Amino acid sequence: MTTATCHHQKSYRFCIEPDAAIATLECALAIVRRLGIELRSLRSTGSARGMEVQIRLAAEDEDALTLCRMRLHNVVGILSIREMPSLAALRLAPAQAAPELEPARLRA
C-alpha cells in the first residue's frame, strides 16, 4: 500500500503551430514522461492558428516542474507558455470554514 504524498502542481497553457501539431504534442508529453512528472489532465482544441493545449502537472519536487517548462520552451513549434493560476487550498476544518453547512445533528 502506498501513502499519499504532497505534490506540487502547475497548470500550463500554450499553443502549438499547425504544422505537425500532433508530433509536437508527442514531444511535449515525452518531456513530461522523462522527468517523471505526473500528468493530471490534458485538454487540447484545434483552431486555425494551431492547437491550444492546457496541461496540469504534479511532481514531488517543484524544480522538476520548472525544468519541464524550460524544456518545453526549447521545443520547436510550441509558442509562448503561460502558467495558469492555481486555487489556494483551504486548511480550515469544514465546521470552521462554514458552520452553517454543518449538519444540524452535529451542532447540538
Protein backbone atom coordinates (compact mmCIF):
# COMPACT_ATOMS: atom_id res chain seq x y z
CA MET A 1 0.00 0.00 0.00
CA THR A 2 1.39 3.38 -0.92
CA THR A 3 0.90 6.53 1.08
CA ALA A 4 -0.26 9.79 -0.44
CA THR A 5 2.43 12.41 -0.84
CA CYS A 6 2.06 16.15 -1.15
CA HIS A 7 2.63 17.11 -4.76
CA HIS A 8 3.43 20.48 -6.22
CA GLN A 9 1.04 21.25 -9.06
CA LYS A 10 1.27 23.59 -12.02
CA SER A 11 -1.01 24.23 -14.95
CA TYR A 12 0.41 25.42 -18.25
CA ARG A 13 -1.29 26.74 -21.36
CA PHE A 14 0.39 27.03 -24.74
CA CYS A 15 -0.31 26.99 -28.44
CA ILE A 16 1.30 24.63 -30.95
CA GLU A 17 1.89 25.72 -34.54
CA PRO A 18 -0.41 23.97 -37.06
CA ASP A 19 2.47 22.24 -38.90
CA ALA A 20 2.93 18.79 -37.28
CA ALA A 21 0.87 19.67 -34.19
CA ILE A 22 0.42 16.04 -33.08
CA ALA A 23 4.16 15.28 -33.35
CA THR A 24 4.94 18.43 -31.34
CA LEU A 25 2.43 17.43 -28.65
CA GLU A 26 4.06 13.98 -28.51
CA CYS A 27 7.44 15.69 -27.91
CA ALA A 28 5.93 17.72 -25.07
CA LEU A 29 4.44 14.62 -23.45
CA ALA A 30 7.76 12.80 -23.81
CA ILE A 31 9.43 15.58 -21.80
CA VAL A 32 6.85 15.17 -19.06
CA ARG A 33 7.33 11.38 -19.03
CA ARG A 34 11.14 11.51 -18.99
CA LEU A 35 11.12 13.88 -16.00
CA GLY A 36 8.84 11.53 -14.05
CA ILE A 37 6.12 14.15 -13.75
CA GLU A 38 2.52 13.09 -13.23
CA LEU A 39 0.14 14.23 -15.96
CA ARG A 40 -3.07 15.17 -14.12
CA SER A 41 -5.03 16.50 -17.10
CA LEU A 42 -4.64 17.37 -20.76
CA ARG A 43 -7.03 19.41 -22.88
CA SER A 44 -6.48 20.33 -26.48
CA THR A 45 -8.55 22.20 -29.02
CA GLY A 46 -7.84 22.78 -32.66
CA SER A 47 -8.11 26.18 -34.29
CA ALA A 48 -6.94 27.92 -37.44
CA ARG A 49 -3.84 29.12 -35.53
CA GLY A 50 -2.89 25.60 -34.46
CA MET A 51 -3.60 23.53 -31.38
CA GLU A 52 -4.26 25.11 -28.00
CA VAL A 53 -3.14 22.90 -25.10
CA GLN A 54 -3.77 23.07 -21.36
CA ILE A 55 -1.91 20.62 -19.14
CA ARG A 56 -1.94 20.16 -15.36
CA LEU A 57 1.15 18.52 -13.94
CA ALA A 58 2.21 17.33 -10.49
CA ALA A 59 5.60 16.39 -9.08
CA GLU A 60 7.12 15.78 -5.66
CA ASP A 61 9.74 18.44 -6.37
CA GLU A 62 8.83 21.88 -7.71
CA ASP A 63 12.18 22.07 -9.53
CA ALA A 64 11.04 19.27 -11.86
CA LEU A 65 8.07 21.40 -12.94
CA THR A 66 10.33 24.39 -13.56
CA LEU A 67 12.72 22.24 -15.60
CA CYS A 68 9.77 20.88 -17.58
CA ARG A 69 8.66 24.39 -18.50
CA MET A 70 12.19 25.32 -19.54
CA ARG A 71 12.44 22.25 -21.77
CA LEU A 72 9.03 22.93 -23.30
CA HIS A 73 10.28 26.41 -24.26
CA ASN A 74 13.00 24.72 -26.33
CA VAL A 75 10.62 22.59 -28.41
CA VAL A 76 10.25 23.88 -31.97
CA GLY A 77 6.59 24.56 -32.66
CA ILE A 78 5.50 25.39 -29.11
CA LEU A 79 4.67 29.06 -28.78
CA SER A 80 4.70 31.06 -25.53
CA ILE A 81 3.90 29.03 -22.41
CA ARG A 82 1.75 30.61 -19.72
CA GLU A 83 1.39 29.33 -16.19
CA MET A 84 -2.25 29.29 -15.15
CA PRO A 85 -3.15 30.47 -11.64
CA SER A 86 -3.99 27.76 -9.13
CA LEU A 87 -6.57 27.88 -6.39
CA ALA A 88 -5.30 28.11 -2.84
CA ALA A 89 -6.33 25.17 -0.70
CA LEU A 90 -8.27 25.94 2.45
CA ARG A 91 -6.68 24.45 5.54
CA LEU A 92 -9.65 25.03 7.83
CA ALA A 93 -11.85 22.24 9.06
CA PRO A 94 -15.27 22.22 7.34
CA ALA A 95 -17.05 23.32 10.55
CA GLN A 96 -14.69 26.30 10.92
CA ALA A 97 -14.93 27.31 7.29
CA ALA A 98 -18.73 27.30 7.05
CA PRO A 99 -20.59 26.39 10.26
CA GLU A 100 -23.94 26.96 8.58
CA LEU A 101 -23.22 24.00 6.27
CA GLU A 102 -22.59 21.63 9.15
CA PRO A 103 -25.43 19.13 9.65
CA ALA A 104 -27.92 20.15 12.35
CA ARG A 105 -27.43 16.91 14.31
CA LEU A 106 -23.74 17.74 14.86
CA ARG A 107 -24.37 21.28 16.14
CA ALA A 108 -26.11 20.24 19.35
